[in-house]
Amino acid sequence: MDTTPDNLARICARLVALRAEQRTLEAAIAGLAANPEDELERKRLQHRRLQLLACIALLENLLIPDEPG
């Protein structure tokens, strides 16, 4: 992994953006939970949220420093 400060800053900025999108999606999903007519939209949003969580986990793992061998 490239551990330059510029690269780490980009990863952190991307994490902030993804977490904000995740919070927005969670609010939208909660709003749709009461309306059974929007089941397809709710499932689509949940799928996107799971994709975001996977991407967030991947980026967080990139920020963990390698152990010296």
C-alpha atoms as a PDB file:
ATOM      1  CA  MET A   1       0.000   0.000   0.000  1.00  0.00           C
ATOM      2  CA  ASP A   2       1.139   3.489  -0.777  1.00  0.00           C
ATOM      3  CA  THR A   3       1.370   5.199   2.621  1.00  0.00           C
ATOM      4  CA  THR A   4       2.088   8.678   1.403  1.00  0.00           C
ATOM      5  CA  PRO A   5       0.235  11.376   3.319  1.00  0.00           C
ATOM      6  CA  ASP A   6      -1.578  12.387   0.139  1.00  0.00           C
ATOM      7  CA  ASN A   7      -2.889   8.858  -0.418  1.00  0.00           C
ATOM      8  CA  LEU A   8      -3.921   8.467   3.220  1.00  0.00           C
ATOM      9  CA  ALA A   9      -5.749  11.792   3.053  1.00  0.00           C
ATOM     10  CA  ARG A  10      -7.639  10.642  -0.058  1.00  0.00           C
ATOM     11  CA  ILE A  11      -8.637   7.400   1.655  1.00  0.00           C
ATOM     12  CA  CYS A  12      -9.846   9.287   4.736  1.00  0.00           C
ATOM     13  CA  ALA A  13     -11.811  11.741   2.602  1.00  0.00           C
ATOM     14  CA  ARG A  14     -13.435   8.861   0.718  1.00  0.00           C
ATOM     15  CA  LEU A  15     -14.327   7.187   4.021  1.00  0.00           C
ATOM     16  CA  VAL A  16     -16.006  10.356   5.253  1.00  0.00           C
ATOM     17  CA  ALA A  17     -18.053  10.589   2.052  1.00  0.00           C
ATOM     18  CA  LEU A  18     -19.071   6.926   2.160  1.00  0.00           C
ATOM     19  CA  ARG A  19     -20.083   7.120   5.815  1.00  0.00           C
ATOM     20  CA  ALA A  20     -22.221  10.189   5.089  1.00  0.00           C
ATOM     21  CA  GLU A  21     -23.917   8.360   2.223  1.00  0.00           C
ATOM     22  CA  GLN A  22     -24.468   5.365   4.490  1.00  0.00           C
ATOM     23  CA  ARG A  23     -26.182   7.536   7.120  1.00  0.00           C
ATOM     24  CA  THR A  24     -28.383   9.068   4.422  1.00  0.00           C
ATOM     25  CA  LEU A  25     -29.346   5.629   3.157  1.00  0.00           C
ATOM     26  CA  GLU A  26     -30.127   4.392   6.670  1.00  0.00           C
ATOM     27  CA  ALA A  27     -32.476   7.334   7.190  1.00  0.00           C
ATOM     28  CA  ALA A  28     -34.167   6.694   3.848  1.00  0.00           C
ATOM     29  CA  ILE A  29     -34.543   2.985   4.613  1.00  0.00           C
ATOM     30  CA  ALA A  30     -36.071   3.764   7.999  1.00  0.00           C
ATOM     31  CA  GLY A  31     -38.523   6.128   6.322  1.00  0.00           C
ATOM     32  CA  LEU A  32     -39.563   3.477   3.805  1.00  0.00           C
ATOM     33  CA  ALA A  33     -39.954   0.720   6.403  1.00  0.00           C
ATOM     34  CA  ALA A  34     -43.494   1.818   7.283  1.00  0.00           C
ATOM     35  CA  ASN A  35     -44.714   1.772   3.672  1.00  0.00           C
ATOM     36  CA  PRO A  36     -45.082  -1.738   2.187  1.00  0.00           C
ATOM     37  CA  GLU A  37     -45.662  -0.268  -1.300  1.00  0.00           C
ATOM     38  CA  ASP A  38     -42.006   0.805  -1.426  1.00  0.00           C
ATOM     39  CA  GLU A  39     -40.592  -2.650  -0.666  1.00  0.00           C
ATOM     40  CA  LEU A  40     -38.585  -2.813  -3.911  1.00  0.00           C
ATOM     41  CA  GLU A  41     -37.062   0.627  -3.311  1.00  0.00           C
ATOM     42  CA  ARG A  42     -36.217  -0.309   0.291  1.00  0.00           C
ATOM     43  CA  LYS A  43     -34.478  -3.491  -0.862  1.00  0.00           C
ATOM     44  CA  ARG A  44     -32.537  -1.529  -3.486  1.00  0.00           C
ATOM     45  CA  LEU A  45     -31.390   0.962  -0.852  1.00  0.00           C
ATOM     46  CA  GLN A  46     -30.442  -1.844   1.532  1.00  0.00           C
ATOM     47  CA  HIS A  47     -28.352  -3.457  -1.195  1.00  0.00           C
ATOM     48  CA  ARG A  48     -26.547  -0.170  -1.852  1.00  0.00           C
ATOM     49  CA  ARG A  49     -25.982   0.235   1.904  1.00  0.00           C
ATOM     50  CA  LEU A  50     -24.370  -3.213   2.079  1.00  0.00           C
ATOM     51  CA  GLN A  51     -22.118  -2.291  -0.842  1.00  0.00           C
ATOM     52  CA  LEU A  52     -21.095   0.857   1.007  1.00  0.00           C
ATOM     53  CA  LEU A  53     -20.346  -1.108   4.169  1.00  0.00           C
ATOM     54  CA  ALA A  54     -18.090  -3.475   2.201  1.00  0.00           C
ATOM     55  CA  CYS A  55     -16.264  -0.551   0.591  1.00  0.00           C
ATOM     56  CA  ILE A  56     -15.870   1.173   3.971  1.00  0.00           C
ATOM     57  CA  ALA A  57     -14.416  -2.001   5.485  1.00  0.00           C
ATOM     58  CA  LEU A  58     -11.959  -2.336   2.599  1.00  0.00           C
ATOM     59  CA  LEU A  59     -10.765   1.255   2.941  1.00  0.00           C
ATOM     60  CA  GLU A  60     -10.485   0.961   6.734  1.00  0.00           C
ATOM     61  CA  ASN A  61      -8.284  -2.101   6.252  1.00  0.00           C
ATOM     62  CA  LEU A  62      -6.030  -0.070   3.968  1.00  0.00           C
ATOM     63  CA  LEU A  63      -5.451   2.371   6.803  1.00  0.00           C
ATOM     64  CA  ILE A  64      -4.184  -0.351   9.141  1.00  0.00           C
ATOM     65  CA  PRO A  65      -0.374  -0.296   8.966  1.00  0.00           C
ATOM     66  CA  ASP A  66       1.435  -3.455   7.906  1.00  0.00           C
ATOM     67  CA  GLU A  67       3.181  -5.349  10.661  1.00  0.00           C
ATOM     68  CA  PRO A  68       6.943  -5.466  10.290  1.00  0.00           C
ATOM     69  CA  GLY A  69       8.025  -8.886   9.125  1.00  0.00           C
END
